[in-house]
Amino acid sequence: MADNRISMPAGFGGLMRFDEEYKSKIMLQPIHIVAFVIMIILFRVFLGFWFG
C-alpha cells in the first residue's frame, strides 16, 4: 500500500517577528484603569444606599 500521508509545510520555528511595541490611539496607564474600577465600585455602593 502506498503512503498516503499529506505533509504540511514546516512552521516558521519562531522566526516571525511582530512589532514589539503596539501603538494604540488610546494610551491608558494602569492607574487609570484602577481609578475607573474604584469609581464604578463607589458608584454601585452609592446606588445601593440611595435606592436600597
N, C-alpha and C. Protein backbone atom coordinates (compact mmCIF):
# COMPACT_ATOMS: atom_id res chain seq x y z
N MET A 1 0.83 -1.19 0.00
CA MET A 1 0.00 0.00 0.00
C MET A 1 0.87 1.25 0.00
N ALA A 2 0.50 2.21 -0.74
CA ALA A 2 1.29 3.44 -0.85
C ALA A 2 1.09 4.30 0.39
N ASP A 3 2.07 5.11 0.66
CA ASP A 3 1.99 6.03 1.80
C ASP A 3 1.17 7.25 1.38
N ASN A 4 -0.05 7.38 1.92
CA ASN A 4 -0.96 8.45 1.51
C ASN A 4 -0.95 9.63 2.48
N ARG A 5 0.04 9.73 3.31
CA ARG A 5 0.07 10.85 4.27
C ARG A 5 0.37 12.16 3.55
N ILE A 6 -0.29 13.20 4.01
CA ILE A 6 -0.05 14.54 3.45
C ILE A 6 0.87 15.28 4.41
N SER A 7 1.95 15.80 3.90
CA SER A 7 2.85 16.54 4.78
C SER A 7 2.56 18.03 4.63
N MET A 8 2.40 18.66 5.77
CA MET A 8 2.14 20.09 5.80
C MET A 8 3.47 20.84 5.79
N PRO A 9 3.48 22.09 5.32
CA PRO A 9 4.72 22.86 5.35
C PRO A 9 5.18 23.08 6.79
N ALA A 10 6.47 23.13 6.97
CA ALA A 10 7.02 23.33 8.31
C ALA A 10 6.68 24.73 8.81
N GLY A 11 6.58 24.86 10.11
CA GLY A 11 6.31 26.17 10.71
C GLY A 11 7.51 27.07 10.60
N PHE A 12 7.34 28.29 11.03
CA PHE A 12 8.43 29.26 10.94
C PHE A 12 9.44 29.08 12.06
N GLY A 13 9.14 28.25 13.03
CA GLY A 13 10.10 27.98 14.10
C GLY A 13 10.44 29.21 14.92
N GLY A 14 9.49 30.09 15.12
CA GLY A 14 9.75 31.29 15.92
C GLY A 14 10.49 32.37 15.16
N LEU A 15 10.59 32.27 13.86
CA LEU A 15 11.34 33.25 13.10
C LEU A 15 10.50 34.45 12.68
N MET A 16 9.20 34.36 12.86
CA MET A 16 8.35 35.52 12.52
C MET A 16 8.54 36.59 13.58
N ARG A 17 8.63 37.81 13.16
CA ARG A 17 8.79 38.90 14.10
C ARG A 17 7.57 39.80 14.02
N PHE A 18 7.02 40.10 15.15
CA PHE A 18 5.91 41.02 15.24
C PHE A 18 6.43 42.32 15.81
N ASP A 19 5.69 43.40 15.56
CA ASP A 19 6.08 44.68 16.11
C ASP A 19 6.04 44.57 17.63
N GLU A 20 7.15 44.82 18.27
CA GLU A 20 7.24 44.61 19.70
C GLU A 20 6.49 45.67 20.50
N GLU A 21 6.38 46.84 19.95
CA GLU A 21 5.68 47.91 20.67
C GLU A 21 4.41 48.24 19.92
N TYR A 22 3.28 47.83 20.50
CA TYR A 22 2.00 48.09 19.88
C TYR A 22 1.59 49.52 20.19
N LYS A 23 1.24 50.27 19.16
CA LYS A 23 0.85 51.67 19.36
C LYS A 23 -0.65 51.80 19.14
N SER A 24 -1.33 52.30 20.16
CA SER A 24 -2.76 52.47 20.11
C SER A 24 -3.09 53.95 20.15
N LYS A 25 -4.25 54.30 19.64
CA LYS A 25 -4.68 55.69 19.69
C LYS A 25 -5.06 56.10 21.10
N ILE A 26 -5.50 55.14 21.90
CA ILE A 26 -5.88 55.40 23.28
C ILE A 26 -4.82 54.77 24.18
N MET A 27 -4.04 55.59 24.84
CA MET A 27 -3.00 55.08 25.73
C MET A 27 -3.46 55.25 27.17
N LEU A 28 -3.69 54.14 27.85
CA LEU A 28 -4.12 54.18 29.25
C LEU A 28 -3.02 53.60 30.12
N GLN A 29 -2.79 54.25 31.23
CA GLN A 29 -1.85 53.73 32.20
C GLN A 29 -2.62 52.87 33.19
N PRO A 30 -1.95 51.96 33.88
CA PRO A 30 -2.63 51.10 34.84
C PRO A 30 -3.37 51.88 35.93
N ILE A 31 -2.86 53.02 36.33
CA ILE A 31 -3.53 53.81 37.38
C ILE A 31 -4.89 54.31 36.90
N HIS A 32 -5.02 54.56 35.59
CA HIS A 32 -6.30 55.00 35.06
C HIS A 32 -7.34 53.88 35.18
N ILE A 33 -6.93 52.66 34.90
CA ILE A 33 -7.85 51.52 35.00
C ILE A 33 -8.26 51.29 36.44
N VAL A 34 -7.30 51.37 37.36
CA VAL A 34 -7.61 51.17 38.78
C VAL A 34 -8.57 52.25 39.26
N ALA A 35 -8.33 53.50 38.89
CA ALA A 35 -9.21 54.59 39.30
C ALA A 35 -10.61 54.41 38.72
N PHE A 36 -10.71 53.97 37.48
CA PHE A 36 -12.01 53.76 36.86
C PHE A 36 -12.78 52.66 37.58
N VAL A 37 -12.11 51.56 37.92
CA VAL A 37 -12.76 50.47 38.64
C VAL A 37 -13.22 50.92 40.02
N ILE A 38 -12.40 51.70 40.71
CA ILE A 38 -12.79 52.22 42.03
C ILE A 38 -13.99 53.14 41.91
N MET A 39 -14.03 53.97 40.87
CA MET A 39 -15.19 54.85 40.67
C MET A 39 -16.46 54.03 40.41
N ILE A 40 -16.36 52.96 39.66
CA ILE A 40 -17.53 52.11 39.40
C ILE A 40 -18.01 51.47 40.70
N ILE A 41 -17.08 50.98 41.53
CA ILE A 41 -17.45 50.36 42.80
C ILE A 41 -18.12 51.38 43.71
N LEU A 42 -17.56 52.57 43.79
CA LEU A 42 -18.16 53.61 44.63
C LEU A 42 -19.55 54.02 44.12
N PHE A 43 -19.70 54.10 42.81
CA PHE A 43 -21.00 54.41 42.24
C PHE A 43 -22.03 53.34 42.58
N ARG A 44 -21.60 52.07 42.51
CA ARG A 44 -22.50 50.96 42.84
C ARG A 44 -22.90 51.00 44.31
N VAL A 45 -21.96 51.30 45.20
CA VAL A 45 -22.27 51.42 46.63
C VAL A 45 -23.21 52.58 46.87
N PHE A 46 -22.99 53.70 46.19
CA PHE A 46 -23.87 54.86 46.33
C PHE A 46 -25.30 54.50 45.88
N LEU A 47 -25.43 53.79 44.78
CA LEU A 47 -26.76 53.38 44.33
C LEU A 47 -27.43 52.45 45.32
N GLY A 48 -26.64 51.61 45.98
CA GLY A 48 -27.20 50.70 46.99
C GLY A 48 -27.77 51.47 48.17
N PHE A 49 -27.08 52.52 48.59
CA PHE A 49 -27.59 53.35 49.69
C PHE A 49 -28.77 54.20 49.27
N TRP A 50 -28.72 54.73 48.06
CA TRP A 50 -29.76 55.65 47.59
C TRP A 50 -31.07 54.94 47.30
N PHE A 51 -31.00 53.80 46.61
CA PHE A 51 -32.22 53.09 46.21
C PHE A 51 -32.47 51.84 47.04
N GLY A 52 -31.59 51.50 47.92
CA GLY A 52 -31.70 50.26 48.67
C GLY A 52 -32.54 50.38 49.85
